[in-house]
């Protein structure tokens, strides 16, 4: 992922942390806080993230199974990779993530 912007890499790290909080720690409250921080960070850096997908994450956070949340987080991560590559203008295909 060295061809991604620093902001995209930071956002992907936050998404990974959110996923770990949900799957390994069952700590959805802190996962929610980290997602809110991610939203603020992306906005402050003018990095495009899907607000609809983040809103959907908040809407299903309490009741959804960890797998469902992981798939939504992966979908957001895929968007971040695409946006991070476009910002760098490298023209390379985005890499697939594995959580």
Protein backbone atom coordinates (compact mmCIF):
# COMPACT_ATOMS: atom_id res chain seq x y z
CA UNK A 1 0.00 0.00 0.00
CA UNK A 2 2.97 2.29 -0.34
CA UNK A 3 1.34 4.01 -3.32
CA UNK A 4 -1.52 5.27 -1.16
CA UNK A 5 -1.55 8.73 0.33
CA UNK A 6 -0.68 9.10 4.01
CA UNK A 7 -4.26 10.14 4.77
CA UNK A 8 -5.67 7.05 3.07
CA UNK A 9 -3.24 4.84 4.97
CA UNK A 10 -4.24 6.45 8.26
CA UNK A 11 -7.93 5.98 7.51
CA UNK A 12 -7.34 2.33 6.62
CA UNK A 13 -5.52 1.88 9.93
CA UNK A 14 -8.49 3.38 11.77
CA UNK A 15 -10.87 1.07 9.91
CA UNK A 16 -8.74 -1.91 10.84
CA UNK A 17 -8.80 -0.79 14.48
CA UNK A 18 -12.59 -0.47 14.35
CA UNK A 19 -12.88 -3.98 12.96
CA UNK A 20 -10.58 -5.38 15.66
CA UNK A 21 -12.60 -3.64 18.37
CA UNK A 22 -15.77 -5.26 17.06
CA UNK A 23 -14.51 -8.74 16.20
CA UNK A 24 -11.84 -9.44 18.80
CA UNK A 25 -12.79 -7.20 21.72
CA UNK A 26 -16.58 -6.95 21.30
CA UNK A 27 -16.17 -3.29 22.19
CA UNK A 28 -18.74 -1.59 20.01
CA UNK A 29 -18.82 1.64 22.04
CA UNK A 30 -15.14 2.34 21.39
CA UNK A 31 -15.58 1.23 17.76
CA UNK A 32 -18.28 3.88 17.45
CA UNK A 33 -15.95 6.51 18.95
CA UNK A 34 -13.14 5.59 16.54
CA UNK A 35 -15.54 5.80 13.56
CA UNK A 36 -16.59 9.27 14.70
CA UNK A 37 -12.91 10.24 14.92
CA UNK A 38 -12.34 8.81 11.44
CA UNK A 39 -15.17 10.95 10.08
CA UNK A 40 -13.69 14.10 11.65
CA UNK A 41 -10.16 13.25 10.46
CA UNK A 42 -11.29 12.61 6.88
CA UNK A 43 -13.28 15.84 6.82
CA UNK A 44 -10.36 17.87 8.21
CA UNK A 45 -8.06 16.43 5.52
CA UNK A 46 -10.65 16.91 2.74
CA UNK A 47 -10.57 13.18 2.04
CA UNK A 48 -13.77 11.75 0.54
CA UNK A 49 -15.44 9.01 2.58
CA UNK A 50 -18.99 7.81 2.10
CA UNK A 51 -21.09 9.48 4.75
CA UNK A 52 -23.99 7.19 3.86
CA UNK A 53 -21.92 4.10 4.61
CA UNK A 54 -20.69 5.58 7.88
CA UNK A 55 -24.27 6.47 8.83
CA UNK A 56 -25.28 2.92 7.96
CA UNK A 57 -22.48 1.64 10.22
CA UNK A 58 -23.84 3.68 13.13
CA UNK A 59 -27.40 2.51 12.39
CA UNK A 60 -26.55 -1.18 12.53
CA UNK A 61 -23.66 -1.14 15.01
CA UNK A 62 -25.56 -2.37 18.06
CA UNK A 63 -27.64 -5.17 16.52
CA UNK A 64 -25.59 -6.44 13.59
CA UNK A 65 -23.42 -9.54 13.63
CA UNK A 66 -19.66 -8.94 13.54
CA UNK A 67 -19.44 -10.40 10.02
CA UNK A 68 -21.99 -7.88 8.73
CA UNK A 69 -20.05 -5.01 10.26
CA UNK A 70 -16.78 -6.37 8.88
CA UNK A 71 -18.24 -6.44 5.37
CA UNK A 72 -19.43 -2.85 5.71
CA UNK A 73 -16.02 -1.76 7.03
CA UNK A 74 -14.35 -3.58 4.13
CA UNK A 75 -16.66 -1.77 1.70
CA UNK A 76 -15.66 1.58 3.21
CA UNK A 77 -11.98 0.53 3.05
CA UNK A 78 -12.32 -0.34 -0.64
CA UNK A 79 -13.69 3.16 -1.28
CA UNK A 80 -10.80 4.69 0.67
CA UNK A 81 -8.27 2.75 -1.40
CA UNK A 82 -9.85 3.91 -4.64
CA UNK A 83 -9.97 7.53 -3.44
CA UNK A 84 -6.39 7.29 -2.13
CA UNK A 85 -5.15 6.02 -5.47
CA UNK A 86 -7.03 8.70 -7.38
CA UNK A 87 -5.51 11.38 -5.17
CA UNK A 88 -2.04 10.03 -5.96
CA UNK A 89 -2.84 9.75 -9.70
CA UNK A 90 -0.82 6.54 -9.92
CA UNK A 91 -3.30 4.82 -12.20
CA UNK A 92 -2.74 1.47 -10.51
CA UNK A 93 -5.59 -0.85 -9.63
CA UNK A 94 -6.60 -0.83 -5.96
CA UNK A 95 -5.40 -3.71 -3.84
CA UNK A 96 -7.89 -6.00 -2.14
CA UNK A 97 -8.01 -5.87 1.62
CA UNK A 98 -8.28 -8.87 3.85
CA UNK A 99 -9.61 -8.48 7.36
